[in-house]
Every structure is written in C-alpha cells, then in structure tokens.
C-alpha cells in the first residue's frame, strides 16, 4: 500500500518533466497530470527516475513473493518498467 502511494507521488513528479506514456502502461496518454513543479536540474530528474525504478522493482519483488500465477505478469511488467526507467538514466 505504501509502495503504491509512493509510486503515484513519484510518477506525478516525474511527469512534470518527462512523459511516461511510452514507459508506463505501454504507450498512449499518461493517467497522471503534470504538476506545476518542474525539475530542470538533470541530477534531480535522474534521481527521481531512479527512485521510480526502485519503487517498481520493489513492487515486482512483492508480487513475485506472493507466488501467484496471476501476479506473474504484473511482476514482469513492474520489472520491465524499472528496466526502462534505468535505461533512460544510464
């Protein structure tokens, strides 16, 4: 529950400077509206992207730990999103 809240907050912050439609959700319009705060410092932007990647990794870990077949695709989706975010930064 806390991770979902963190994901939502950090995603909103990231959306203020980087559209995530191509990374989160497989394309199209994002479900988040940009905030008025913008992060123009590249270091801050990279840190937020890496934070969001870490959150998706933890969510994937939790879903994998549940050992449910239904959660397997969600787990892979979170790991894939984390990889795409890290690739953008690195």
Protein backbone atom coordinates (compact mmCIF):
# COMPACT_ATOMS: atom_id res chain seq x y z
CA UNK A 1 0.00 0.00 0.00
CA UNK A 2 2.81 2.42 0.87
CA UNK A 3 4.67 1.48 -2.30
CA UNK A 4 1.60 2.20 -4.42
CA UNK A 5 1.31 5.62 -2.79
CA UNK A 6 5.00 6.29 -3.36
CA UNK A 7 4.66 5.15 -6.99
CA UNK A 8 1.79 7.54 -7.52
CA UNK A 9 3.57 10.52 -5.97
CA UNK A 10 6.91 9.96 -7.68
CA UNK A 11 5.22 9.31 -11.02
CA UNK A 12 3.43 12.65 -10.76
CA UNK A 13 6.74 14.36 -10.07
CA UNK A 14 8.42 12.62 -12.99
CA UNK A 15 5.51 13.51 -15.29
CA UNK A 16 6.29 17.19 -14.63
CA UNK A 17 9.42 16.89 -16.77
CA UNK A 18 9.21 13.57 -18.63
CA UNK A 19 6.10 11.97 -20.17
CA UNK A 20 5.94 8.33 -19.10
CA UNK A 21 3.34 7.13 -21.59
CA UNK A 22 5.98 5.25 -23.55
CA UNK A 23 7.37 3.58 -20.41
CA UNK A 24 4.47 3.05 -18.01
CA UNK A 25 1.40 1.39 -19.43
CA UNK A 26 2.80 0.62 -22.86
CA UNK A 27 2.18 3.94 -24.57
CA UNK A 28 -0.50 6.48 -25.05
CA UNK A 29 -1.62 9.21 -22.73
CA UNK A 30 -0.48 9.00 -19.14
CA UNK A 31 -3.00 8.66 -16.34
CA UNK A 32 -1.22 11.42 -14.44
CA UNK A 33 -1.47 15.15 -14.91
CA UNK A 34 1.73 17.14 -14.66
CA UNK A 35 2.29 19.17 -11.53
CA UNK A 36 3.26 22.82 -11.51
CA UNK A 37 6.67 21.98 -10.04
CA UNK A 38 9.29 21.34 -12.66
CA UNK A 39 12.65 19.73 -12.14
CA UNK A 40 15.08 21.35 -14.52
CA UNK A 41 18.21 20.12 -12.84
CA UNK A 42 19.30 16.93 -14.67
CA UNK A 43 20.58 15.42 -11.42
CA UNK A 44 17.18 15.83 -9.75
CA UNK A 45 15.48 14.35 -12.81
CA UNK A 46 17.81 11.34 -12.82
CA UNK A 47 17.30 10.82 -9.09
CA UNK A 48 13.51 10.84 -9.47
CA UNK A 49 13.65 8.41 -12.41
CA UNK A 50 15.89 6.08 -10.42
CA UNK A 51 13.60 6.37 -7.38
CA UNK A 52 10.63 5.41 -9.52
CA UNK A 53 12.60 2.49 -10.96
CA UNK A 54 13.40 1.30 -7.44
CA UNK A 55 9.74 1.50 -6.46
CA UNK A 56 8.75 -0.61 -9.47
CA UNK A 57 11.48 -3.13 -8.59
CA UNK A 58 10.15 -3.44 -5.04
CA UNK A 59 6.59 -3.84 -6.30
CA UNK A 60 7.80 -6.61 -8.61
CA UNK A 61 9.60 -8.28 -5.70
CA UNK A 62 6.43 -8.23 -3.61
CA UNK A 63 4.31 -9.65 -6.42
CA UNK A 64 6.88 -12.37 -7.07
CA UNK A 65 6.88 -13.20 -3.36
CA UNK A 66 3.15 -13.83 -3.44
CA UNK A 67 3.80 -16.83 -5.75
CA UNK A 68 0.55 -16.35 -7.58
CA UNK A 69 0.27 -17.17 -11.28
CA UNK A 70 -1.95 -14.11 -11.74
CA UNK A 71 0.76 -11.88 -10.28
CA UNK A 72 3.46 -13.17 -12.64
CA UNK A 73 2.52 -10.85 -15.48
CA UNK A 74 2.25 -7.89 -13.05
CA UNK A 75 5.65 -8.79 -11.64
CA UNK A 76 7.24 -8.90 -15.09
CA UNK A 77 5.53 -5.63 -16.02
CA UNK A 78 6.98 -3.87 -12.97
CA UNK A 79 10.47 -5.27 -13.63
CA UNK A 80 10.24 -4.20 -17.28
CA UNK A 81 9.17 -0.69 -16.28
CA UNK A 82 12.06 -0.45 -13.81
CA UNK A 83 14.49 -1.56 -16.52
CA UNK A 84 13.16 1.02 -19.00
CA UNK A 85 13.44 3.79 -16.42
CA UNK A 86 17.00 2.84 -15.53
CA UNK A 87 17.91 2.64 -19.22
CA UNK A 88 16.67 6.21 -19.69
CA UNK A 89 19.04 7.40 -16.95
CA UNK A 90 22.04 5.23 -17.64
